[in-house]
């Protein structure tokens, strides 16, 4: 039996982690609007845009945004497909 495409070897796995690393490459705090604009610019898959769009308004340190994104991924059952964020 062939492995489903959403298991960690998929192209999408780790994409959100790379996105967060790019967000915090030169900043320690980002606001929700910056996150939304960067997600569109980063050309994230539609499902990850949905996850990012669920973020409440506010300023985010890296640990807080990771918690928020991981919670949304877990709620959708997508942690195996996309991985988690640190």
C-alpha atoms as a PDB file:
ATOM      1  CA  UNK A   1       0.000   0.000   0.000  1.00  0.00           C
ATOM      2  CA  UNK A   2       1.318   3.413  -0.952  1.00  0.00           C
ATOM      3  CA  UNK A   3       1.826   6.104   1.676  1.00  0.00           C
ATOM      4  CA  UNK A   4      -0.759   8.937   1.547  1.00  0.00           C
ATOM      5  CA  UNK A   5       0.623  12.229   0.146  1.00  0.00           C
ATOM      6  CA  UNK A   6      -0.050  14.201   3.345  1.00  0.00           C
ATOM      7  CA  UNK A   7       2.407  12.230   5.465  1.00  0.00           C
ATOM      8  CA  UNK A   8       5.660  14.115   6.330  1.00  0.00           C
ATOM      9  CA  UNK A   9       7.297  13.540   2.951  1.00  0.00           C
ATOM     10  CA  UNK A  10       4.828  15.876   1.232  1.00  0.00           C
ATOM     11  CA  UNK A  11       6.011  19.210  -0.176  1.00  0.00           C
ATOM     12  CA  UNK A  12       3.737  21.046   2.273  1.00  0.00           C
ATOM     13  CA  UNK A  13       5.303  19.503   5.376  1.00  0.00           C
ATOM     14  CA  UNK A  14       7.289  22.144   7.259  1.00  0.00           C
ATOM     15  CA  UNK A  15       6.025  25.022   5.103  1.00  0.00           C
ATOM     16  CA  UNK A  16       4.485  26.813   8.088  1.00  0.00           C
ATOM     17  CA  UNK A  17       7.748  26.462  10.035  1.00  0.00           C
ATOM     18  CA  UNK A  18       9.655  28.088   7.163  1.00  0.00           C
ATOM     19  CA  UNK A  19       7.041  30.844   7.075  1.00  0.00           C
ATOM     20  CA  UNK A  20       7.450  31.572  10.805  1.00  0.00           C
ATOM     21  CA  UNK A  21      11.242  31.581  10.455  1.00  0.00           C
ATOM     22  CA  UNK A  22      10.929  34.173   7.674  1.00  0.00           C
ATOM     23  CA  UNK A  23       8.523  36.256   9.788  1.00  0.00           C
ATOM     24  CA  UNK A  24      10.958  36.421  12.680  1.00  0.00           C
ATOM     25  CA  UNK A  25      14.191  36.658  10.678  1.00  0.00           C
ATOM     26  CA  UNK A  26      14.638  40.307  11.636  1.00  0.00           C
ATOM     27  CA  UNK A  27      11.793  41.007  14.090  1.00  0.00           C
ATOM     28  CA  UNK A  28      11.007  39.937  17.647  1.00  0.00           C
ATOM     29  CA  UNK A  29       7.347  41.036  17.484  1.00  0.00           C
ATOM     30  CA  UNK A  30       4.962  40.904  14.537  1.00  0.00           C
ATOM     31  CA  UNK A  31       1.374  42.064  14.359  1.00  0.00           C
ATOM     32  CA  UNK A  32      -1.525  40.190  12.847  1.00  0.00           C
ATOM     33  CA  UNK A  33      -1.711  42.384   9.742  1.00  0.00           C
ATOM     34  CA  UNK A  34       1.973  41.734   8.976  1.00  0.00           C
ATOM     35  CA  UNK A  35       1.351  38.006   9.364  1.00  0.00           C
ATOM     36  CA  UNK A  36      -1.636  38.067   6.984  1.00  0.00           C
ATOM     37  CA  UNK A  37       0.215  40.069   4.312  1.00  0.00           C
ATOM     38  CA  UNK A  38       3.335  37.918   4.592  1.00  0.00           C
ATOM     39  CA  UNK A  39       1.250  34.726   4.302  1.00  0.00           C
ATOM     40  CA  UNK A  40      -0.163  35.929   0.982  1.00  0.00           C
ATOM     41  CA  UNK A  41       3.287  36.996  -0.223  1.00  0.00           C
ATOM     42  CA  UNK A  42       4.859  33.708   0.893  1.00  0.00           C
ATOM     43  CA  UNK A  43       2.367  31.860  -1.341  1.00  0.00           C
ATOM     44  CA  UNK A  44       1.245  29.440   1.360  1.00  0.00           C
ATOM     45  CA  UNK A  45      -1.195  26.673   0.385  1.00  0.00           C
ATOM     46  CA  UNK A  46      -4.864  27.587   0.819  1.00  0.00           C
ATOM     47  CA  UNK A  47      -5.255  25.379   3.906  1.00  0.00           C
ATOM     48  CA  UNK A  48      -2.364  27.157   5.644  1.00  0.00           C
ATOM     49  CA  UNK A  49      -3.798  30.557   4.693  1.00  0.00           C
ATOM     50  CA  UNK A  50      -6.937  29.405   6.519  1.00  0.00           C
ATOM     51  CA  UNK A  51      -4.860  28.531   9.610  1.00  0.00           C
ATOM     52  CA  UNK A  52      -3.043  31.880   9.545  1.00  0.00           C
ATOM     53  CA  UNK A  53      -6.310  33.785   9.074  1.00  0.00           C
ATOM     54  CA  UNK A  54      -7.600  32.330  12.360  1.00  0.00           C
ATOM     55  CA  UNK A  55      -5.050  34.303  14.390  1.00  0.00           C
ATOM     56  CA  UNK A  56      -6.669  36.846  16.702  1.00  0.00           C
ATOM     57  CA  UNK A  57      -5.607  40.484  16.414  1.00  0.00           C
ATOM     58  CA  UNK A  58      -2.556  41.563  18.346  1.00  0.00           C
ATOM     59  CA  UNK A  59       1.217  41.534  18.574  1.00  0.00           C
ATOM     60  CA  UNK A  60       2.940  38.168  18.631  1.00  0.00           C
ATOM     61  CA  UNK A  61       6.229  36.924  19.986  1.00  0.00           C
ATOM     62  CA  UNK A  62       7.430  33.806  18.242  1.00  0.00           C
ATOM     63  CA  UNK A  63       6.411  31.418  21.047  1.00  0.00           C
ATOM     64  CA  UNK A  64       2.887  32.821  21.186  1.00  0.00           C
ATOM     65  CA  UNK A  65       2.313  32.616  17.440  1.00  0.00           C
ATOM     66  CA  UNK A  66       3.670  29.057  17.435  1.00  0.00           C
ATOM     67  CA  UNK A  67       1.163  28.091  20.144  1.00  0.00           C
ATOM     68  CA  UNK A  68      -1.714  29.712  18.251  1.00  0.00           C
ATOM     69  CA  UNK A  69      -0.796  28.095  14.924  1.00  0.00           C
ATOM     70  CA  UNK A  70      -0.183  24.671  16.477  1.00  0.00           C
ATOM     71  CA  UNK A  71      -3.569  24.809  18.223  1.00  0.00           C
ATOM     72  CA  UNK A  72      -5.310  25.594  14.942  1.00  0.00           C
ATOM     73  CA  UNK A  73      -3.402  22.829  13.124  1.00  0.00           C
ATOM     74  CA  UNK A  74      -4.337  20.318  15.824  1.00  0.00           C
ATOM     75  CA  UNK A  75      -7.993  21.380  15.762  1.00  0.00           C
ATOM     76  CA  UNK A  76      -8.088  20.677  12.017  1.00  0.00           C
ATOM     77  CA  UNK A  77      -6.151  17.417  12.373  1.00  0.00           C
ATOM     78  CA  UNK A  78      -3.427  18.733  10.069  1.00  0.00           C
ATOM     79  CA  UNK A  79      -0.300  18.329  12.210  1.00  0.00           C
ATOM     80  CA  UNK A  80       0.817  15.233  10.299  1.00  0.00           C
ATOM     81  CA  UNK A  81       0.225  16.908   6.976  1.00  0.00           C
ATOM     82  CA  UNK A  82       1.918  20.242   7.709  1.00  0.00           C
ATOM     83  CA  UNK A  83       4.006  19.577  10.819  1.00  0.00           C
ATOM     84  CA  UNK A  84       4.088  21.873  13.825  1.00  0.00           C
ATOM     85  CA  UNK A  85       5.762  25.210  14.486  1.00  0.00           C
ATOM     86  CA  UNK A  86       8.507  25.917  17.029  1.00  0.00           C
END
